[in-house]
Amino acid sequence: MGRPLVSIITPVLDRVETIGTCLASVAEQTYQPFEHIVVDGGSTDGTLDLLETYRASYPFRWISERDNGMYEAINRGIAMAQGDVLAYLNSDDIYFPWSVDVAVRALGPGPDLVYGDLGVLRPRADGRQAGFNILFYPDFDLRHYSFVGTMGQPTVFWRRSLTEAIGLFDTRYRLIGDCEYWLRAALAGATLQHVPEIMAVEVEHGSTLRATQPARLGDEFKALRAEMKNVIDPPAHMRLLRLKRSLAWRARNLEFLYAMKVRHPRKWRYFVGRLRASGVDVTLRDLGILAPARWRRNATLFADVPQLSRVLGDEGP
């Protein structure tokens, strides 16, 4: 049996500043075969001209028509997709060259859905070095992901058979339809598995949908968690659980900093390998991210590394 075709869907609307980097990161995948489907919602800012330049450069196609939000666009992409493995990558996020390969190997004959750890890049308008940190995710637990945390959406890959079983994304959600989808998959009996690798970079900027609609974001989380209360009781001691989560995040950061120092790290080996190949190492300054929030301020990983964005892949084509 041959390797499965992977279909990657990117919804986009007026993102000419970021879509090129997203496309380039998909084109650089070491895994074959894959297809990239971009579903544009009627851009008028030059996005379509940029998409046209990529048409013959790798397995890529796009459509442009008005839609009723991101999840309707993703559903259209799924309807066009031919792959046995599905994923979606927003137009301002970035894959690493190993992302698809690691995901397919993790899916293997086992889980229905896999997700990894996520780098978060925060560009600064004043020209200073971009901030960077890593979100480390725990193994899947329905109560945790219903009430405490969310999965790193750009790192998620799942089998088409899962979509055939549970349907498409719920377009009533405008911002957290992905969170609802992963929980719906778990409730349907799917197996969700964490992969200990940095699988993507989320680029945070002031114009992301979640950043520009905080009230709606809060309302959608409130509605989703109210639905989940009909299925599973929320944690009894939320404050204690948040403390546990904070300590676990610091423990994973220490583990990552240690992995940067050993010859053969057990986790995050592709990401560590990329950093080493670029001459990046950890310093004592990196320990600042472990401080309590009120003292941490703008502490970031690799604050002394010039051209960190280039190392992480956040550069135009």
C-alpha atoms as a PDB file:
ATOM      1  CA  MET A   1       0.000   0.000   0.000  1.00  0.00           C
ATOM      2  CA  GLY A   2       1.375   3.420  -0.995  1.00  0.00           C
ATOM      3  CA  ARG A   3       1.846   6.477   1.169  1.00  0.00           C
ATOM      4  CA  PRO A   4      -1.396   8.372   1.841  1.00  0.00           C
ATOM      5  CA  LEU A   5      -2.130  11.596   0.039  1.00  0.00           C
ATOM      6  CA  VAL A   6      -2.292  14.501   2.521  1.00  0.00           C
ATOM      7  CA  SER A   7      -4.656  17.390   1.792  1.00  0.00           C
ATOM      8  CA  ILE A   8      -3.808  20.738   3.420  1.00  0.00           C
ATOM      9  CA  ILE A   9      -6.469  23.443   3.306  1.00  0.00           C
ATOM     10  CA  THR A  10      -5.791  27.147   3.830  1.00  0.00           C
ATOM     11  CA  PRO A  11      -8.661  29.616   4.217  1.00  0.00           C
ATOM     12  CA  VAL A  12      -7.693  33.187   3.423  1.00  0.00           C
ATOM     13  CA  LEU A  13      -9.150  36.665   3.086  1.00  0.00           C
ATOM     14  CA  ASP A  14      -6.991  39.726   2.399  1.00  0.00           C
ATOM     15  CA  ARG A  15      -3.704  38.369   3.762  1.00  0.00           C
ATOM     16  CA  VAL A  16      -1.243  39.375   1.072  1.00  0.00           C
ATOM     17  CA  GLU A  17       1.343  40.228   3.751  1.00  0.00           C
ATOM     18  CA  THR A  18       1.420  36.695   5.211  1.00  0.00           C
ATOM     19  CA  ILE A  19       0.068  34.171   2.693  1.00  0.00           C
ATOM     20  CA  GLY A  20       3.355  33.949   0.767  1.00  0.00           C
ATOM     21  CA  THR A  21       5.255  32.661   3.781  1.00  0.00           C
ATOM     22  CA  CYS A  22       2.501  30.164   4.501  1.00  0.00           C
ATOM     23  CA  LEU A  23       2.577  28.863   0.922  1.00  0.00           C
ATOM     24  CA  ALA A  24       6.365  28.610   0.922  1.00  0.00           C
ATOM     25  CA  SER A  25       6.322  26.560   4.129  1.00  0.00           C
ATOM     26  CA  VAL A  26       3.884  24.068   2.604  1.00  0.00           C
ATOM     27  CA  ALA A  27       5.867  23.856  -0.636  1.00  0.00           C
ATOM     28  CA  GLU A  28       8.983  22.880   1.352  1.00  0.00           C
ATOM     29  CA  GLN A  29       7.492  19.691   2.826  1.00  0.00           C
ATOM     30  CA  THR A  30       9.800  16.675   2.690  1.00  0.00           C
ATOM     31  CA  TYR A  31       6.775  14.358   2.535  1.00  0.00           C
ATOM     32  CA  GLN A  32       5.161  13.276  -0.723  1.00  0.00           C
ATOM     33  CA  PRO A  33       2.417  13.072  -1.895  1.00  0.00           C
ATOM     34  CA  PHE A  34       0.436  16.074  -0.684  1.00  0.00           C
ATOM     35  CA  GLU A  35      -1.888  18.697  -2.134  1.00  0.00           C
ATOM     36  CA  HIS A  36      -2.492  22.250  -0.960  1.00  0.00           C
ATOM     37  CA  ILE A  37      -5.918  23.805  -1.467  1.00  0.00           C
ATOM     38  CA  VAL A  38      -6.360  27.526  -0.764  1.00  0.00           C
ATOM     39  CA  VAL A  39      -9.939  28.745  -0.377  1.00  0.00           C
ATOM     40  CA  ASP A  40     -10.064  32.516  -0.744  1.00  0.00           C
ATOM     41  CA  GLY A  41     -13.100  34.441   0.459  1.00  0.00           C
ATOM     42  CA  GLY A  42     -12.973  37.227  -2.136  1.00  0.00           C
ATOM     43  CA  SER A  43      -9.718  39.056  -1.419  1.00  0.00           C
ATOM     44  CA  THR A  44      -9.138  42.490  -2.924  1.00  0.00           C
ATOM     45  CA  ASP A  45      -5.682  43.322  -1.539  1.00  0.00           C
ATOM     46  CA  GLY A  46      -3.405  41.483  -3.988  1.00  0.00           C
ATOM     47  CA  THR A  47      -3.728  38.041  -2.404  1.00  0.00           C
ATOM     48  CA  LEU A  48      -5.102  36.559  -5.645  1.00  0.00           C
ATOM     49  CA  ASP A  49      -2.180  37.862  -7.694  1.00  0.00           C
ATOM     50  CA  LEU A  50       0.225  36.252  -5.261  1.00  0.00           C
ATOM     51  CA  LEU A  51      -1.679  32.954  -5.356  1.00  0.00           C
ATOM     52  CA  GLU A  52      -1.414  32.925  -9.142  1.00  0.00           C
ATOM     53  CA  THR A  53       2.385  33.033  -8.953  1.00  0.00           C
ATOM     54  CA  TYR A  54       2.401  29.730  -7.045  1.00  0.00           C
ATOM     55  CA  ARG A  55       0.063  27.833  -9.359  1.00  0.00           C
ATOM     56  CA  ALA A  56       2.730  25.690 -11.077  1.00  0.00           C
ATOM     57  CA  SER A  57       5.369  25.586  -8.348  1.00  0.00           C
ATOM     58  CA  TYR A  58       4.062  22.634  -6.290  1.00  0.00           C
ATOM     59  CA  PRO A  59       0.818  20.567  -5.896  1.00  0.00           C
ATOM     60  CA  PHE A  60      -1.360  23.606  -5.314  1.00  0.00           C
ATOM     61  CA  ARG A  61      -4.767  24.889  -6.427  1.00  0.00           C
ATOM     62  CA  TRP A  62      -7.056  27.649  -5.289  1.00  0.00           C
ATOM     63  CA  ILE A  63     -10.533  29.045  -5.643  1.00  0.00           C
ATOM     64  CA  SER A  64     -11.939  32.452  -4.775  1.00  0.00           C
ATOM     65  CA  GLU A  65     -15.570  32.994  -3.868  1.00  0.00           C
ATOM     66  CA  ARG A  66     -17.363  34.693  -1.039  1.00  0.00           C
ATOM     67  CA  ASP A  67     -18.060  32.591   2.016  1.00  0.00           C
ATOM     68  CA  ASN A  68     -19.680  32.894   5.415  1.00  0.00           C
ATOM     69  CA  GLY A  69     -16.523  32.683   7.475  1.00  0.00           C
ATOM     70  CA  MET A  70     -13.397  30.610   7.950  1.00  0.00           C
ATOM     71  CA  TYR A  71     -15.067  27.282   8.733  1.00  0.00           C
ATOM     72  CA  GLU A  72     -17.310  27.420   5.675  1.00  0.00           C
ATOM     73  CA  ALA A  73     -14.147  27.977   3.625  1.00  0.00           C
ATOM     74  CA  ILE A  74     -12.457  24.998   5.289  1.00  0.00           C
ATOM     75  CA  ASN A  75     -15.507  22.830   4.624  1.00  0.00           C
ATOM     76  CA  ARG A  76     -15.332  23.797   0.948  1.00  0.00           C
ATOM     77  CA  GLY A  77     -11.692  22.813   0.911  1.00  0.00           C
ATOM     78  CA  ILE A  78     -12.482  19.445   2.484  1.00  0.00           C
ATOM     79  CA  ALA A  79     -15.106  18.856  -0.214  1.00  0.00           C
ATOM     80  CA  MET A  80     -12.409  19.478  -2.854  1.00  0.00           C
ATOM     81  CA  ALA A  81      -9.738  17.421  -1.087  1.00  0.00           C
ATOM     82  CA  GLN A  82      -8.697  14.005  -2.367  1.00  0.00           C
ATOM     83  CA  GLY A  83      -6.411  12.977   0.481  1.00  0.00           C
ATOM     84  CA  ASP A  84      -6.809  10.294   3.120  1.00  0.00           C
ATOM     85  CA  VAL A  85      -5.190  12.634   5.682  1.00  0.00           C
ATOM     86  CA  LEU A  86      -6.518  16.154   6.246  1.00  0.00           C
ATOM     87  CA  ALA A  87      -5.196  19.325   7.889  1.00  0.00           C
ATOM     88  CA  TYR A  88      -5.747  23.042   7.690  1.00  0.00           C
ATOM     89  CA  LEU A  89      -3.187  25.786   8.043  1.00  0.00           C
ATOM     90  CA  ASN A  90      -4.247  29.405   8.423  1.00  0.00           C
ATOM     91  CA  SER A  91      -2.732  31.946   6.071  1.00  0.00           C
ATOM     92  CA  ASP A  92      -0.557  33.533   8.750  1.00  0.00           C
ATOM     93  CA  ASP A  93       0.865  30.281  10.161  1.00  0.00           C
ATOM     94  CA  ILE A  94       3.865  28.227   9.082  1.00  0.00           C
ATOM     95  CA  TYR A  95       4.764  24.550   8.736  1.00  0.00           C
ATOM     96  CA  PHE A  96       8.257  23.200   9.160  1.00  0.00           C
ATOM     97  CA  PRO A  97       9.635  20.951   6.398  1.00  0.00           C
ATOM     98  CA  TRP A  98       9.043  17.893   8.591  1.00  0.00           C
ATOM     99  CA  SER A  99       5.486  18.707   9.691  1.00  0.00           C
ATOM    100  CA  VAL A 100       3.538  16.479   7.294  1.00  0.00           C
ATOM    101  CA  ASP A 101       6.065  13.629   7.446  1.00  0.00           C
ATOM    102  CA  VAL A 102       6.015  13.485  11.249  1.00  0.00           C
ATOM    103  CA  ALA A 103       2.210  13.612  11.296  1.00  0.00           C
ATOM    104  CA  VAL A 104       1.756  10.786   8.781  1.00  0.00           C
ATOM    105  CA  ARG A 105       4.226   8.547  10.595  1.00  0.00           C
ATOM    106  CA  ALA A 106       2.476   9.260  13.894  1.00  0.00           C
ATOM    107  CA  LEU A 107      -0.920   8.420  12.408  1.00  0.00           C
ATOM    108  CA  GLY A 108       0.452   5.133  11.049  1.00  0.00           C
ATOM    109  CA  PRO A 109      -1.983   2.340  11.804  1.00  0.00           C
ATOM    110  CA  GLY A 110      -2.951   3.877  15.133  1.00  0.00           C
ATOM    111  CA  PRO A 111      -4.706   7.129  16.152  1.00  0.00           C
ATOM    112  CA  ASP A 112      -7.405   8.987  14.248  1.00  0.00           C
ATOM    113  CA  LEU A 113      -5.938  12.428  14.965  1.00  0.00           C
ATOM    114  CA  VAL A 114      -2.507  13.679  15.990  1.00  0.00           C
ATOM    115  CA  TYR A 115      -1.303  17.039  17.281  1.00  0.00           C
ATOM    116  CA  GLY A 116       2.096  18.362  18.258  1.00  0.00           C
ATOM    117  CA  ASP A 117       3.673  21.255  20.132  1.00  0.00           C
ATOM    118  CA  LEU A 118       3.519  24.770  18.723  1.00  0.00           C
ATOM    119  CA  GLY A 119       5.971  27.622  18.375  1.00  0.00           C
ATOM    120  CA  VAL A 120       4.499  31.099  18.808  1.00  0.00           C
ATOM    121  CA  LEU A 121       6.232  34.022  17.110  1.00  0.00           C
ATOM    122  CA  ARG A 122       5.318  37.575  18.096  1.00  0.00           C
ATOM    123  CA  PRO A 123       6.701  40.145  15.629  1.00  0.00           C
ATOM    124  CA  ARG A 124       7.254  43.631  17.040  1.00  0.00           C
ATOM    125  CA  ALA A 125       6.349  46.721  15.077  1.00  0.00           C
ATOM    126  CA  ASP A 126       9.228  48.738  16.544  1.00  0.00           C
ATOM    127  CA  GLY A 127      11.844  46.617  14.788  1.00  0.00           C
ATOM    128  CA  ARG A 128      13.048  44.861  17.919  1.00  0.00           C
ATOM    129  CA  GLN A 129      13.740  41.125  17.944  1.00  0.00           C
ATOM    130  CA  ALA A 130      10.536  39.098  17.642  1.00  0.00           C
ATOM    131  CA  GLY A 131       9.372  37.304  20.767  1.00  0.00           C
ATOM    132  CA  PHE A 132       9.181  33.520  20.710  1.00  0.00           C
ATOM    133  CA  ASN A 133       7.978  30.805  23.023  1.00  0.00           C
ATOM    134  CA  ILE A 134       6.730  27.238  22.749  1.00  0.00           C
ATOM    135  CA  LEU A 135       3.336  25.890  23.764  1.00  0.00           C
ATOM    136  CA  PHE A 136       3.725  22.346  25.057  1.00  0.00           C
ATOM    137  CA  TYR A 137       0.520  20.328  25.084  1.00  0.00           C
ATOM    138  CA  PRO A 138      -0.426  17.444  27.388  1.00  0.00           C
ATOM    139  CA  ASP A 139      -1.672  14.083  26.199  1.00  0.00           C
ATOM    140  CA  PHE A 140      -5.328  14.188  25.311  1.00  0.00           C
ATOM    141  CA  ASP A 141      -7.726  14.347  28.232  1.00  0.00           C
ATOM    142  CA  LEU A 142     -11.354  15.244  27.539  1.00  0.00           C
ATOM    143  CA  ARG A 143     -11.837  17.253  30.736  1.00  0.00           C
ATOM    144  CA  HIS A 144      -8.645  19.250  30.234  1.00  0.00           C
ATOM    145  CA  TYR A 145      -9.364  20.145  26.614  1.00  0.00           C
ATOM    146  CA  SER A 146     -13.007  20.915  27.374  1.00  0.00           C
ATOM    147  CA  PHE A 147     -12.421  23.369  30.218  1.00  0.00           C
ATOM    148  CA  VAL A 148      -8.750  24.230  30.703  1.00  0.00           C
ATOM    149  CA  GLY A 149      -6.682  24.267  27.522  1.00  0.00           C
ATOM    150  CA  THR A 150      -6.909  24.000  23.750  1.00  0.00           C
ATOM    151  CA  MET A 151      -4.857  22.107  21.191  1.00  0.00           C
ATOM    152  CA  GLY A 152      -2.450  23.905  18.850  1.00  0.00           C
ATOM    153  CA  GLN A 153      -4.635  23.974  15.729  1.00  0.00           C
ATOM    154  CA  PRO A 154      -1.810  24.372  13.150  1.00  0.00           C
ATOM    155  CA  THR A 155      -0.267  21.120  14.407  1.00  0.00           C
ATOM    156  CA  VAL A 156      -3.374  18.947  13.962  1.00  0.00           C
ATOM    157  CA  PHE A 157      -3.715  16.253  11.264  1.00  0.00           C
ATOM    158  CA  TRP A 158      -6.546  13.732  11.049  1.00  0.00           C
ATOM    159  CA  ARG A 159      -7.844  10.899   8.928  1.00  0.00           C
ATOM    160  CA  ARG A 160     -10.505  11.554   6.314  1.00  0.00           C
ATOM    161  CA  SER A 161     -12.427   8.631   7.812  1.00  0.00           C
ATOM    162  CA  LEU A 162     -12.892  10.735  10.941  1.00  0.00           C
ATOM    163  CA  THR A 163     -14.572  13.523   8.962  1.00  0.00           C
ATOM    164  CA  GLU A 164     -16.725  10.926   7.210  1.00  0.00           C
ATOM    165  CA  ALA A 165     -17.826   9.741  10.658  1.00  0.00           C
ATOM    166  CA  ILE A 166     -18.484  13.075  12.411  1.00  0.00           C
ATOM    167  CA  GLY A 167     -19.171  15.507   9.569  1.00  0.00           C
ATOM    168  CA  LEU A 168     -17.740  18.926   8.744  1.00  0.00           C
ATOM    169  CA  PHE A 169     -16.855  21.929  10.900  1.00  0.00           C
ATOM    170  CA  ASP A 170     -19.755  23.677  12.648  1.00  0.00           C
ATOM    171  CA  THR A 171     -20.134  27.026  10.896  1.00  0.00           C
ATOM    172  CA  ARG A 172     -22.086  28.472  13.808  1.00  0.00           C
ATOM    173  CA  TYR A 173     -18.659  29.057  15.347  1.00  0.00           C
ATOM    174  CA  ARG A 174     -16.589  31.843  13.823  1.00  0.00           C
ATOM    175  CA  LEU A 175     -13.424  31.560  15.944  1.00  0.00           C
ATOM    176  CA  ILE A 176     -13.209  28.214  17.770  1.00  0.00           C
ATOM    177  CA  GLY A 177     -14.814  25.746  15.395  1.00  0.00           C
ATOM    178  CA  ASP A 178     -11.573  23.758  15.564  1.00  0.00           C
ATOM    179  CA  CYS A 179     -11.894  23.356  19.359  1.00  0.00           C
ATOM    180  CA  GLU A 180     -15.447  22.072  18.955  1.00  0.00           C
ATOM    181  CA  TYR A 181     -14.353  19.694  16.188  1.00  0.00           C
ATOM    182  CA  TRP A 182     -11.596  18.009  18.208  1.00  0.00           C
ATOM    183  CA  LEU A 183     -13.967  17.528  21.155  1.00  0.00           C
ATOM    184  CA  ARG A 184     -16.679  16.174  18.862  1.00  0.00           C
ATOM    185  CA  ALA A 185     -14.142  13.694  17.492  1.00  0.00           C
ATOM    186  CA  ALA A 186     -13.245  12.510  20.996  1.00  0.00           C
ATOM    187  CA  LEU A 187     -16.904  12.131  21.961  1.00  0.00           C
ATOM    188  CA  ALA A 188     -17.417   9.997  18.848  1.00  0.00           C
ATOM    189  CA  GLY A 189     -14.763   7.587  20.095  1.00  0.00           C
ATOM    190  CA  ALA A 190     -11.793   8.811  18.067  1.00  0.00           C
ATOM    191  CA  THR A 191      -8.260   8.359  19.383  1.00  0.00           C
ATOM    192  CA  LEU A 192      -6.354  11.649  19.712  1.00  0.00           C
ATOM    193  CA  GLN A 193      -2.595  11.420  20.251  1.00  0.00           C
ATOM    194  CA  HIS A 194       0.049  13.980  21.130  1.00  0.00           C
ATOM    195  CA  VAL A 195       3.338  13.982  19.189  1.00  0.00           C
ATOM    196  CA  PRO A 196       6.427  15.343  21.023  1.00  0.00           C
ATOM    197  CA  GLU A 197       7.675  17.561  18.199  1.00  0.00           C
ATOM    198  CA  ILE A 198       7.349  21.240  17.303  1.00  0.00           C
ATOM    199  CA  MET A 199       5.047  20.910  14.301  1.00  0.00           C
ATOM    200  CA  ALA A 200       4.268  24.501  13.274  1.00  0.00           C
ATOM    201  CA  VAL A 201       4.674  28.175  14.091  1.00  0.00           C
ATOM    202  CA  GLU A 202       1.713  30.411  14.870  1.00  0.00           C
ATOM    203  CA  VAL A 203       2.472  34.039  14.041  1.00  0.00           C
ATOM    204  CA  GLU A 204       0.622  36.349  16.396  1.00  0.00           C
ATOM    205  CA  HIS A 205      -0.185  39.847  15.177  1.00  0.00           C
ATOM    206  CA  GLY A 206      -2.842  42.368  15.933  1.00  0.00           C
ATOM    207  CA  SER A 207      -5.068  41.568  12.949  1.00  0.00           C
ATOM    208  CA  THR A 208      -5.772  37.887  13.660  1.00  0.00           C
ATOM    209  CA  LEU A 209      -9.463  37.082  14.020  1.00  0.00           C
ATOM    210  CA  ARG A 210      -9.107  36.102  17.670  1.00  0.00           C
ATOM    211  CA  ALA A 211      -7.108  39.221  18.479  1.00  0.00           C
ATOM    212  CA  THR A 212      -9.674  41.544  16.888  1.00  0.00           C
ATOM    213  CA  GLN A 213     -12.766  39.872  18.357  1.00  0.00           C
ATOM    214  CA  PRO A 214     -12.007  39.144  22.037  1.00  0.00           C
ATOM    215  CA  ALA A 215     -15.628  39.488  23.183  1.00  0.00           C
ATOM    216  CA  ARG A 216     -16.870  37.019  20.597  1.00  0.00           C
ATOM    217  CA  LEU A 217     -14.008  34.668  21.442  1.00  0.00           C
ATOM    218  CA  GLY A 218     -15.057  34.661  25.093  1.00  0.00           C
ATOM    219  CA  ASP A 219     -18.696  34.108  24.190  1.00  0.00           C
ATOM    220  CA  GLU A 220     -17.875  31.156  21.955  1.00  0.00           C
ATOM    221  CA  PHE A 221     -15.730  29.492  24.615  1.00  0.00           C
ATOM    222  CA  LYS A 222     -18.507  30.043  27.152  1.00  0.00           C
ATOM    223  CA  ALA A 223     -21.051  28.413  24.822  1.00  0.00           C
ATOM    224  CA  LEU A 224     -18.803  25.457  23.994  1.00  0.00           C
ATOM    225  CA  ARG A 225     -17.986  24.790  27.644  1.00  0.00           C
ATOM    226  CA  ALA A 226     -21.662  24.990  28.546  1.00  0.00           C
ATOM    227  CA  GLU A 227     -22.314  22.267  25.976  1.00  0.00           C
ATOM    228  CA  MET A 228     -19.499  20.126  27.355  1.00  0.00           C
ATOM    229  CA  LYS A 229     -20.950  20.368  30.868  1.00  0.00           C
ATOM    230  CA  ASN A 230     -23.777  18.186  29.575  1.00  0.00           C
ATOM    231  CA  VAL A 231     -21.219  15.484  28.822  1.00  0.00           C
ATOM    232  CA  ILE A 232     -18.505  15.732  31.473  1.00  0.00           C
ATOM    233  CA  ASP A 233     -18.225  17.569  34.785  1.00  0.00           C
ATOM    234  CA  PRO A 234     -15.775  20.484  34.828  1.00  0.00           C
ATOM    235  CA  PRO A 235     -12.774  20.236  37.151  1.00  0.00           C
ATOM    236  CA  ALA A 236     -13.693  20.686  40.799  1.00  0.00           C
ATOM    237  CA  HIS A 237     -10.649  22.816  41.640  1.00  0.00           C
ATOM    238  CA  MET A 238      -9.955  25.033  38.642  1.00  0.00           C
ATOM    239  CA  ARG A 239      -7.453  27.236  40.444  1.00  0.00           C
ATOM    240  CA  LEU A 240      -5.400  24.212  41.477  1.00  0.00           C
ATOM    241  CA  LEU A 241      -5.606  22.829  37.958  1.00  0.00           C
ATOM    242  CA  ARG A 242      -4.316  26.081  36.472  1.00  0.00           C
ATOM    243  CA  LEU A 243      -1.404  26.015  38.914  1.00  0.00           C
ATOM    244  CA  LYS A 244      -0.645  22.443  37.867  1.00  0.00           C
ATOM    245  CA  ARG A 245      -0.780  23.502  34.223  1.00  0.00           C
ATOM    246  CA  SER A 246       1.621  26.387  34.860  1.00  0.00           C
ATOM    247  CA  LEU A 247       4.102  24.096  36.613  1.00  0.00           C
ATOM    248  CA  ALA A 248       3.841  21.500  33.847  1.00  0.00           C
ATOM    249  CA  TRP A 249       4.591  24.179  31.221  1.00  0.00           C
ATOM    250  CA  ARG A 250       7.719  25.220  33.111  1.00  0.00           C
ATOM    251  CA  ALA A 251       8.787  21.597  33.431  1.00  0.00           C
ATOM    252  CA  ARG A 252       8.435  21.118  29.663  1.00  0.00           C
ATOM    253  CA  ASN A 253      10.485  24.275  29.050  1.00  0.00           C
ATOM    254  CA  LEU A 254      13.253  22.950  31.263  1.00  0.00           C
ATOM    255  CA  GLU A 255      13.075  19.645  29.411  1.00  0.00           C
ATOM    256  CA  PHE A 256      13.332  21.489  26.108  1.00  0.00           C
ATOM    257  CA  LEU A 257      16.320  23.560  27.246  1.00  0.00           C
ATOM    258  CA  TYR A 258      17.996  20.319  28.343  1.00  0.00           C
ATOM    259  CA  ALA A 259      17.211  18.746  24.956  1.00  0.00           C
ATOM    260  CA  MET A 260      19.093  21.613  23.332  1.00  0.00           C
ATOM    261  CA  LYS A 261      22.208  20.534  25.247  1.00  0.00           C
ATOM    262  CA  VAL A 262      22.242  16.751  24.734  1.00  0.00           C
ATOM    263  CA  ARG A 263      23.530  14.991  21.639  1.00  0.00           C
ATOM    264  CA  HIS A 264      20.480  12.828  20.976  1.00  0.00           C
ATOM    265  CA  PRO A 265      17.320  14.433  22.400  1.00  0.00           C
ATOM    266  CA  ARG A 266      14.335  12.126  22.897  1.00  0.00           C
ATOM    267  CA  LYS A 267      11.825  14.848  22.053  1.00  0.00           C
ATOM    268  CA  TRP A 268      11.624  17.724  19.585  1.00  0.00           C
ATOM    269  CA  ARG A 269      14.600  16.335  17.688  1.00  0.00           C
ATOM    270  CA  TYR A 270      13.705  17.879  14.317  1.00  0.00           C
ATOM    271  CA  PHE A 271      13.228  21.326  15.797  1.00  0.00           C
ATOM    272  CA  VAL A 272      16.352  21.048  17.940  1.00  0.00           C
ATOM    273  CA  GLY A 273      18.251  19.894  14.856  1.00  0.00           C
ATOM    274  CA  ARG A 274      17.087  22.926  12.882  1.00  0.00           C
ATOM    275  CA  LEU A 275      18.166  25.303  15.624  1.00  0.00           C
ATOM    276  CA  ARG A 276      21.570  23.663  15.910  1.00  0.00           C
ATOM    277  CA  ALA A 277      22.070  23.754  12.135  1.00  0.00           C
ATOM    278  CA  SER A 278      21.381  27.501  12.300  1.00  0.00           C
ATOM    279  CA  GLY A 279      23.878  27.996  15.112  1.00  0.00           C
ATOM    280  CA  VAL A 280      21.242  28.653  17.760  1.00  0.00           C
ATOM    281  CA  ASP A 281      21.964  27.655  21.352  1.00  0.00           C
ATOM    282  CA  VAL A 282      20.351  28.357  24.696  1.00  0.00           C
ATOM    283  CA  THR A 283      21.805  30.805  27.189  1.00  0.00           C
ATOM    284  CA  LEU A 284      21.152  31.691  30.811  1.00  0.00           C
ATOM    285  CA  ARG A 285      18.910  34.490  29.577  1.00  0.00           C
ATOM    286  CA  ASP A 286      16.491  31.866  28.240  1.00  0.00           C
ATOM    287  CA  LEU A 287      15.751  30.789  31.804  1.00  0.00           C
ATOM    288  CA  GLY A 288      13.838  34.063  32.208  1.00  0.00           C
ATOM    289  CA  ILE A 289      10.767  32.451  30.663  1.00  0.00           C
ATOM    290  CA  LEU A 290      10.434  30.311  33.803  1.00  0.00           C
ATOM    291  CA  ALA A 291       9.842  33.293  36.070  1.00  0.00           C
ATOM    292  CA  PRO A 292       6.358  34.071  37.407  1.00  0.00           C
ATOM    293  CA  ALA A 293       4.329  36.170  34.993  1.00  0.00           C
ATOM    294  CA  ARG A 294       4.563  39.378  37.045  1.00  0.00           C
ATOM    295  CA  TRP A 295       8.381  39.212  36.847  1.00  0.00           C
ATOM    296  CA  ARG A 296       8.707  37.635  33.406  1.00  0.00           C
ATOM    297  CA  ARG A 297       7.520  40.696  31.450  1.00  0.00           C
ATOM    298  CA  ASN A 298       8.774  40.298  27.870  1.00  0.00           C
ATOM    299  CA  ALA A 299      11.015  37.290  28.495  1.00  0.00           C
ATOM    300  CA  THR A 300      11.371  35.173  25.360  1.00  0.00           C
ATOM    301  CA  LEU A 301      13.334  32.202  24.107  1.00  0.00           C
ATOM    302  CA  PHE A 302      16.412  32.953  21.985  1.00  0.00           C
ATOM    303  CA  ALA A 303      16.247  36.680  22.651  1.00  0.00           C
ATOM    304  CA  ASP A 304      19.919  37.006  21.651  1.00  0.00           C
ATOM    305  CA  VAL A 305      19.550  35.250  18.289  1.00  0.00           C
ATOM    306  CA  PRO A 306      19.702  37.624  15.294  1.00  0.00           C
ATOM    307  CA  GLN A 307      17.312  36.842  12.450  1.00  0.00           C
ATOM    308  CA  LEU A 308      15.239  34.488  14.597  1.00  0.00           C
ATOM    309  CA  SER A 309      12.295  34.910  12.221  1.00  0.00           C
ATOM    310  CA  ARG A 310      14.412  33.608   9.358  1.00  0.00           C
ATOM    311  CA  VAL A 311      15.459  30.560  11.405  1.00  0.00           C
ATOM    312  CA  LEU A 312      11.805  29.811  12.142  1.00  0.00           C
ATOM    313  CA  GLY A 313      10.739  30.253   8.535  1.00  0.00           C
ATOM    314  CA  ASP A 314       8.863  33.553   8.892  1.00  0.00           C
ATOM    315  CA  GLU A 315      10.306  35.153   5.798  1.00  0.00           C
ATOM    316  CA  GLY A 316       8.633  36.036   2.540  1.00  0.00           C
ATOM    317  CA  PRO A 317       9.146  33.857  -0.552  1.00  0.00           C
END
